[in-house]
């Protein structure tokens, strides 16, 4: 019996930005799909190539969506497994838009897969968290940021999950400044000391302003 081991190296990226990485499982499936000719293995690798080989927006599965508030919905095939006994499984992390018609899209994906050997199973659903841009809370954070940096504070929407969602009006605030490389969740993640000091000053001022505003409203 001859055993062959194939190793594939990818490039890590945050699950909310899969297009910035290289998915080793998808690369391996693309390679094996050129070798397999039939059977369950071929069906699985072909599915991965079709669904995740060339894009990360879920178009093949009918899950794609975009809105002005949060941009594109993204799909990351984070964990891929296959055994002859249990078949193939792809655990997907989907970061969907604020106005995403979830049930409608799930039904559409189910219809897409109806004639295939695959099915969709929703294991968990953490709904998007959104705070209106005109809320005084947001305005205060913008004012403090601008005062300390001299730059206009632009609002961003991200697909990452943060502790902000446990608060009614919590948001992620900082601390990646313009011009700096985003190295979150990367190997050797780092921060510039000057950025850390500046961010600390901004956080302290923001907390002071927010507490003062709350006391003034009482």
C-alpha atoms as a PDB file:
ATOM      1  CA  UNK A   1       0.000   0.000   0.000  1.00  0.00           C
ATOM      2  CA  UNK A   2       1.350   3.390  -1.007  1.00  0.00           C
ATOM      3  CA  UNK A   3       0.373   6.454   1.008  1.00  0.00           C
ATOM      4  CA  UNK A   4       0.798   9.955  -0.375  1.00  0.00           C
ATOM      5  CA  UNK A   5       0.734  13.065   1.772  1.00  0.00           C
ATOM      6  CA  UNK A   6      -0.107  16.416   0.212  1.00  0.00           C
ATOM      7  CA  UNK A   7       0.508  19.585   2.211  1.00  0.00           C
ATOM      8  CA  UNK A   8      -0.969  22.926   1.181  1.00  0.00           C
ATOM      9  CA  UNK A   9      -0.090  26.260   2.740  1.00  0.00           C
ATOM     10  CA  UNK A  10      -2.624  29.066   2.739  1.00  0.00           C
ATOM     11  CA  UNK A  11      -2.662  32.619   4.041  1.00  0.00           C
ATOM     12  CA  UNK A  12      -4.698  33.430   7.141  1.00  0.00           C
ATOM     13  CA  UNK A  13      -7.246  36.234   7.114  1.00  0.00           C
ATOM     14  CA  UNK A  14     -10.113  37.371   9.310  1.00  0.00           C
ATOM     15  CA  UNK A  15     -13.307  35.429   8.600  1.00  0.00           C
ATOM     16  CA  UNK A  16     -15.030  38.703   7.697  1.00  0.00           C
ATOM     17  CA  UNK A  17     -12.493  39.311   4.898  1.00  0.00           C
ATOM     18  CA  UNK A  18     -11.839  35.875   3.351  1.00  0.00           C
ATOM     19  CA  UNK A  19     -10.887  37.434   0.037  1.00  0.00           C
ATOM     20  CA  UNK A  20      -7.739  38.802   1.687  1.00  0.00           C
ATOM     21  CA  UNK A  21      -6.489  35.304   2.499  1.00  0.00           C
ATOM     22  CA  UNK A  22      -5.734  32.077   0.676  1.00  0.00           C
ATOM     23  CA  UNK A  23      -7.912  29.160   1.767  1.00  0.00           C
ATOM     24  CA  UNK A  24      -5.706  26.054   1.812  1.00  0.00           C
ATOM     25  CA  UNK A  25      -8.739  23.726   1.806  1.00  0.00           C
ATOM     26  CA  UNK A  26     -10.100  25.345  -1.352  1.00  0.00           C
ATOM     27  CA  UNK A  27      -6.687  25.177  -3.014  1.00  0.00           C
ATOM     28  CA  UNK A  28      -6.402  21.481  -2.141  1.00  0.00           C
ATOM     29  CA  UNK A  29      -9.929  20.758  -3.375  1.00  0.00           C
ATOM     30  CA  UNK A  30      -9.156  22.547  -6.656  1.00  0.00           C
ATOM     31  CA  UNK A  31      -6.070  20.370  -7.100  1.00  0.00           C
ATOM     32  CA  UNK A  32      -7.843  17.110  -6.250  1.00  0.00           C
ATOM     33  CA  UNK A  33     -10.788  18.010  -8.464  1.00  0.00           C
ATOM     34  CA  UNK A  34      -8.495  17.723 -11.470  1.00  0.00           C
ATOM     35  CA  UNK A  35      -7.550  14.190 -10.383  1.00  0.00           C
ATOM     36  CA  UNK A  36     -10.863  12.704  -9.245  1.00  0.00           C
ATOM     37  CA  UNK A  37     -13.150  11.577 -12.049  1.00  0.00           C
ATOM     38  CA  UNK A  38     -16.281  10.338 -10.285  1.00  0.00           C
ATOM     39  CA  UNK A  39     -17.778   9.277  -6.985  1.00  0.00           C
ATOM     40  CA  UNK A  40     -18.470  11.117  -3.726  1.00  0.00           C
ATOM     41  CA  UNK A  41     -14.952  12.567  -3.542  1.00  0.00           C
ATOM     42  CA  UNK A  42     -15.350  14.172  -6.962  1.00  0.00           C
ATOM     43  CA  UNK A  43     -18.768  15.554  -6.047  1.00  0.00           C
ATOM     44  CA  UNK A  44     -17.335  17.110  -2.894  1.00  0.00           C
ATOM     45  CA  UNK A  45     -14.307  18.733  -4.487  1.00  0.00           C
ATOM     46  CA  UNK A  46     -16.455  19.999  -7.369  1.00  0.00           C
ATOM     47  CA  UNK A  47     -18.886  21.541  -4.895  1.00  0.00           C
ATOM     48  CA  UNK A  48     -16.076  23.359  -3.064  1.00  0.00           C
ATOM     49  CA  UNK A  49     -14.669  24.664  -6.345  1.00  0.00           C
ATOM     50  CA  UNK A  50     -18.106  25.851  -7.495  1.00  0.00           C
ATOM     51  CA  UNK A  51     -19.160  27.426  -4.198  1.00  0.00           C
ATOM     52  CA  UNK A  52     -15.866  28.813  -2.876  1.00  0.00           C
ATOM     53  CA  UNK A  53     -13.246  28.489  -5.575  1.00  0.00           C
ATOM     54  CA  UNK A  54     -13.499  31.888  -7.217  1.00  0.00           C
ATOM     55  CA  UNK A  55     -15.413  34.163  -4.860  1.00  0.00           C
ATOM     56  CA  UNK A  56     -16.373  34.729  -1.223  1.00  0.00           C
ATOM     57  CA  UNK A  57     -19.787  36.387  -1.592  1.00  0.00           C
ATOM     58  CA  UNK A  58     -22.003  33.294  -1.813  1.00  0.00           C
ATOM     59  CA  UNK A  59     -23.305  33.892  -5.332  1.00  0.00           C
ATOM     60  CA  UNK A  60     -23.259  30.219  -6.312  1.00  0.00           C
ATOM     61  CA  UNK A  61     -25.311  29.320  -3.240  1.00  0.00           C
ATOM     62  CA  UNK A  62     -27.768  32.192  -3.672  1.00  0.00           C
ATOM     63  CA  UNK A  63     -26.647  33.767  -0.398  1.00  0.00           C
ATOM     64  CA  UNK A  64     -25.102  36.948  -1.818  1.00  0.00           C
ATOM     65  CA  UNK A  65     -26.453  40.312  -0.660  1.00  0.00           C
ATOM     66  CA  UNK A  66     -25.315  43.916  -0.329  1.00  0.00           C
ATOM     67  CA  UNK A  67     -26.694  46.945   1.418  1.00  0.00           C
ATOM     68  CA  UNK A  68     -25.499  50.529   1.844  1.00  0.00           C
ATOM     69  CA  UNK A  69     -25.109  50.228   5.613  1.00  0.00           C
ATOM     70  CA  UNK A  70     -22.799  47.244   5.787  1.00  0.00           C
ATOM     71  CA  UNK A  71     -21.734  46.308   2.261  1.00  0.00           C
ATOM     72  CA  UNK A  72     -21.292  42.752   1.022  1.00  0.00           C
ATOM     73  CA  UNK A  73     -22.266  39.587   2.817  1.00  0.00           C
ATOM     74  CA  UNK A  74     -19.196  37.315   3.012  1.00  0.00           C
ATOM     75  CA  UNK A  75     -18.755  33.551   3.301  1.00  0.00           C
ATOM     76  CA  UNK A  76     -15.657  31.859   4.680  1.00  0.00           C
ATOM     77  CA  UNK A  77     -15.250  28.094   4.293  1.00  0.00           C
ATOM     78  CA  UNK A  78     -13.412  27.890   7.597  1.00  0.00           C
ATOM     79  CA  UNK A  79     -13.395  24.154   8.350  1.00  0.00           C
ATOM     80  CA  UNK A  80     -13.511  21.489   5.635  1.00  0.00           C
ATOM     81  CA  UNK A  81     -13.541  17.762   6.335  1.00  0.00           C
ATOM     82  CA  UNK A  82     -14.183  14.541   4.435  1.00  0.00           C
ATOM     83  CA  UNK A  83     -14.309  10.848   5.294  1.00  0.00           C
ATOM     84  CA  UNK A  84     -15.615   7.992   3.139  1.00  0.00           C
ATOM     85  CA  UNK A  85     -17.997   7.037   5.955  1.00  0.00           C
ATOM     86  CA  UNK A  86     -19.472  10.480   6.732  1.00  0.00           C
ATOM     87  CA  UNK A  87     -18.882  12.259   3.447  1.00  0.00           C
ATOM     88  CA  UNK A  88     -17.905  15.912   3.170  1.00  0.00           C
ATOM     89  CA  UNK A  89     -18.683  18.824   5.457  1.00  0.00           C
ATOM     90  CA  UNK A  90     -17.944  22.533   5.092  1.00  0.00           C
ATOM     91  CA  UNK A  91     -18.373  24.740   8.162  1.00  0.00           C
ATOM     92  CA  UNK A  92     -19.023  28.227   6.812  1.00  0.00           C
ATOM     93  CA  UNK A  93     -18.776  31.505   8.697  1.00  0.00           C
ATOM     94  CA  UNK A  94     -21.195  33.921   7.025  1.00  0.00           C
ATOM     95  CA  UNK A  95     -21.081  37.613   7.976  1.00  0.00           C
ATOM     96  CA  UNK A  96     -24.313  39.014   6.608  1.00  0.00           C
ATOM     97  CA  UNK A  97     -25.549  42.551   6.058  1.00  0.00           C
ATOM     98  CA  UNK A  98     -27.770  44.505   8.460  1.00  0.00           C
ATOM     99  CA  UNK A  99     -30.831  44.353   6.171  1.00  0.00           C
ATOM    100  CA  UNK A 100     -30.161  40.761   5.070  1.00  0.00           C
ATOM    101  CA  UNK A 101     -33.394  38.803   4.424  1.00  0.00           C
ATOM    102  CA  UNK A 102     -32.103  35.781   6.326  1.00  0.00           C
ATOM    103  CA  UNK A 103     -35.003  33.336   6.011  1.00  0.00           C
ATOM    104  CA  UNK A 104     -35.539  34.195   2.353  1.00  0.00           C
ATOM    105  CA  UNK A 105     -31.866  33.597   1.575  1.00  0.00           C
ATOM    106  CA  UNK A 106     -31.746  30.321   3.495  1.00  0.00           C
ATOM    107  CA  UNK A 107     -34.738  29.103   1.498  1.00  0.00           C
ATOM    108  CA  UNK A 108     -33.060  30.134  -1.739  1.00  0.00           C
ATOM    109  CA  UNK A 109     -29.865  28.269  -0.837  1.00  0.00           C
ATOM    110  CA  UNK A 110     -31.914  25.201   0.042  1.00  0.00           C
ATOM    111  CA  UNK A 111     -33.525  25.369  -3.406  1.00  0.00           C
ATOM    112  CA  UNK A 112     -30.108  25.660  -5.061  1.00  0.00           C
ATOM    113  CA  UNK A 113     -28.938  22.490  -3.312  1.00  0.00           C
ATOM    114  CA  UNK A 114     -32.146  20.477  -3.727  1.00  0.00           C
ATOM    115  CA  UNK A 115     -30.870  18.420  -6.681  1.00  0.00           C
ATOM    116  CA  UNK A 116     -27.379  17.973  -5.225  1.00  0.00           C
ATOM    117  CA  UNK A 117     -26.086  15.524  -2.593  1.00  0.00           C
ATOM    118  CA  UNK A 118     -25.556  18.442  -0.202  1.00  0.00           C
ATOM    119  CA  UNK A 119     -27.823  20.247   2.239  1.00  0.00           C
ATOM    120  CA  UNK A 120     -27.691  23.406   4.332  1.00  0.00           C
ATOM    121  CA  UNK A 121     -27.829  23.264   8.129  1.00  0.00           C
ATOM    122  CA  UNK A 122     -27.829  26.492  10.168  1.00  0.00           C
ATOM    123  CA  UNK A 123     -25.945  25.709  13.382  1.00  0.00           C
ATOM    124  CA  UNK A 124     -26.176  29.173  14.939  1.00  0.00           C
ATOM    125  CA  UNK A 125     -27.260  32.673  13.992  1.00  0.00           C
ATOM    126  CA  UNK A 126     -25.872  35.807  15.622  1.00  0.00           C
ATOM    127  CA  UNK A 127     -27.754  38.723  14.096  1.00  0.00           C
ATOM    128  CA  UNK A 128     -25.972  41.942  13.018  1.00  0.00           C
ATOM    129  CA  UNK A 129     -25.611  44.774  15.509  1.00  0.00           C
ATOM    130  CA  UNK A 130     -26.152  48.340  14.294  1.00  0.00           C
ATOM    131  CA  UNK A 131     -26.195  51.801  15.890  1.00  0.00           C
ATOM    132  CA  UNK A 132     -27.546  54.773  13.921  1.00  0.00           C
ATOM    133  CA  UNK A 133     -24.881  57.167  12.663  1.00  0.00           C
ATOM    134  CA  UNK A 134     -26.803  60.172  14.016  1.00  0.00           C
ATOM    135  CA  UNK A 135     -26.980  58.879  17.566  1.00  0.00           C
ATOM    136  CA  UNK A 136     -25.396  61.347  20.077  1.00  0.00           C
ATOM    137  CA  UNK A 137     -23.212  58.492  21.325  1.00  0.00           C
ATOM    138  CA  UNK A 138     -21.655  58.100  17.879  1.00  0.00           C
ATOM    139  CA  UNK A 139     -21.330  61.857  17.399  1.00  0.00           C
ATOM    140  CA  UNK A 140     -19.385  62.149  20.658  1.00  0.00           C
ATOM    141  CA  UNK A 141     -16.924  59.439  19.626  1.00  0.00           C
ATOM    142  CA  UNK A 142     -16.413  61.143  16.264  1.00  0.00           C
ATOM    143  CA  UNK A 143     -15.777  64.527  17.876  1.00  0.00           C
ATOM    144  CA  UNK A 144     -13.175  63.136  20.272  1.00  0.00           C
ATOM    145  CA  UNK A 145     -11.382  61.236  17.512  1.00  0.00           C
ATOM    146  CA  UNK A 146     -11.221  64.321  15.286  1.00  0.00           C
ATOM    147  CA  UNK A 147      -9.996  66.504  18.153  1.00  0.00           C
ATOM    148  CA  UNK A 148      -7.051  64.200  18.890  1.00  0.00           C
ATOM    149  CA  UNK A 149      -6.076  63.267  15.338  1.00  0.00           C
ATOM    150  CA  UNK A 150      -7.066  66.298  13.270  1.00  0.00           C
ATOM    151  CA  UNK A 151      -8.718  63.898  10.816  1.00  0.00           C
ATOM    152  CA  UNK A 152     -12.388  63.441  10.002  1.00  0.00           C
ATOM    153  CA  UNK A 153     -13.772  60.399  11.793  1.00  0.00           C
ATOM    154  CA  UNK A 154     -15.346  58.200   9.127  1.00  0.00           C
ATOM    155  CA  UNK A 155     -17.773  55.513  10.219  1.00  0.00           C
ATOM    156  CA  UNK A 156     -17.078  51.946   9.171  1.00  0.00           C
ATOM    157  CA  UNK A 157     -19.075  48.754   9.127  1.00  0.00           C
ATOM    158  CA  UNK A 158     -17.227  45.499   9.807  1.00  0.00           C
ATOM    159  CA  UNK A 159     -18.183  41.855   9.674  1.00  0.00           C
ATOM    160  CA  UNK A 160     -16.215  40.984  12.786  1.00  0.00           C
ATOM    161  CA  UNK A 161     -18.007  40.068  15.971  1.00  0.00           C
ATOM    162  CA  UNK A 162     -17.096  42.244  18.979  1.00  0.00           C
ATOM    163  CA  UNK A 163     -18.291  42.667  22.546  1.00  0.00           C
ATOM    164  CA  UNK A 164     -20.172  45.758  21.353  1.00  0.00           C
ATOM    165  CA  UNK A 165     -23.157  43.563  20.532  1.00  0.00           C
ATOM    166  CA  UNK A 166     -23.865  42.851  24.210  1.00  0.00           C
ATOM    167  CA  UNK A 167     -24.652  46.567  24.723  1.00  0.00           C
ATOM    168  CA  UNK A 168     -27.676  48.395  23.355  1.00  0.00           C
ATOM    169  CA  UNK A 169     -25.499  51.079  21.785  1.00  0.00           C
ATOM    170  CA  UNK A 170     -22.018  49.612  21.914  1.00  0.00           C
ATOM    171  CA  UNK A 171     -19.643  50.004  18.961  1.00  0.00           C
ATOM    172  CA  UNK A 172     -16.067  49.006  18.201  1.00  0.00           C
ATOM    173  CA  UNK A 173     -13.963  52.173  18.568  1.00  0.00           C
ATOM    174  CA  UNK A 174     -10.345  52.137  17.319  1.00  0.00           C
ATOM    175  CA  UNK A 175      -7.586  51.511  17.190  1.00  0.00           C
ATOM    176  CA  UNK A 176      -6.319  50.956  13.657  1.00  0.00           C
ATOM    177  CA  UNK A 177      -5.278  54.376  12.394  1.00  0.00           C
ATOM    178  CA  UNK A 178      -5.216  55.405   8.709  1.00  0.00           C
ATOM    179  CA  UNK A 179      -2.130  54.235   6.851  1.00  0.00           C
ATOM    180  CA  UNK A 180      -1.423  51.356   9.231  1.00  0.00           C
ATOM    181  CA  UNK A 181      -1.524  47.752   8.033  1.00  0.00           C
ATOM    182  CA  UNK A 182      -4.356  45.673   9.443  1.00  0.00           C
ATOM    183  CA  UNK A 183      -2.611  42.755  11.157  1.00  0.00           C
ATOM    184  CA  UNK A 184      -5.466  41.595  13.383  1.00  0.00           C
ATOM    185  CA  UNK A 185      -5.433  37.790  13.843  1.00  0.00           C
ATOM    186  CA  UNK A 186      -2.249  37.542  11.801  1.00  0.00           C
ATOM    187  CA  UNK A 187       0.985  35.866  12.859  1.00  0.00           C
ATOM    188  CA  UNK A 188       3.129  38.263  14.925  1.00  0.00           C
ATOM    189  CA  UNK A 189       0.244  40.700  15.419  1.00  0.00           C
ATOM    190  CA  UNK A 190       1.613  44.015  16.668  1.00  0.00           C
ATOM    191  CA  UNK A 191       0.810  47.655  17.444  1.00  0.00           C
ATOM    192  CA  UNK A 192       2.958  50.785  17.260  1.00  0.00           C
ATOM    193  CA  UNK A 193       3.673  52.244  20.708  1.00  0.00           C
ATOM    194  CA  UNK A 194       2.807  55.755  19.506  1.00  0.00           C
ATOM    195  CA  UNK A 195      -0.560  54.461  18.281  1.00  0.00           C
ATOM    196  CA  UNK A 196      -1.177  52.753  21.619  1.00  0.00           C
ATOM    197  CA  UNK A 197      -0.490  55.979  23.506  1.00  0.00           C
ATOM    198  CA  UNK A 198      -2.678  58.038  21.169  1.00  0.00           C
ATOM    199  CA  UNK A 199      -5.501  55.527  21.385  1.00  0.00           C
ATOM    200  CA  UNK A 200      -5.316  55.526  25.184  1.00  0.00           C
ATOM    201  CA  UNK A 201      -5.716  59.315  25.234  1.00  0.00           C
ATOM    202  CA  UNK A 202      -8.679  59.102  22.852  1.00  0.00           C
ATOM    203  CA  UNK A 203     -10.362  56.397  24.928  1.00  0.00           C
ATOM    204  CA  UNK A 204      -9.881  58.365  28.154  1.00  0.00           C
ATOM    205  CA  UNK A 205     -11.317  61.534  26.628  1.00  0.00           C
ATOM    206  CA  UNK A 206     -14.240  59.647  25.086  1.00  0.00           C
ATOM    207  CA  UNK A 207     -15.132  57.964  28.376  1.00  0.00           C
ATOM    208  CA  UNK A 208     -14.953  61.303  30.189  1.00  0.00           C
ATOM    209  CA  UNK A 209     -17.218  62.978  27.616  1.00  0.00           C
ATOM    210  CA  UNK A 210     -19.737  60.151  27.614  1.00  0.00           C
ATOM    211  CA  UNK A 211     -19.948  60.043  31.401  1.00  0.00           C
ATOM    212  CA  UNK A 212     -20.364  63.828  31.523  1.00  0.00           C
ATOM    213  CA  UNK A 213     -23.143  63.660  28.942  1.00  0.00           C
ATOM    214  CA  UNK A 214     -24.968  60.982  30.920  1.00  0.00           C
ATOM    215  CA  UNK A 215     -24.699  62.988  34.146  1.00  0.00           C
ATOM    216  CA  UNK A 216     -25.981  66.087  32.351  1.00  0.00           C
ATOM    217  CA  UNK A 217     -29.052  64.188  31.168  1.00  0.00           C
ATOM    218  CA  UNK A 218     -29.993  63.053  34.685  1.00  0.00           C
END
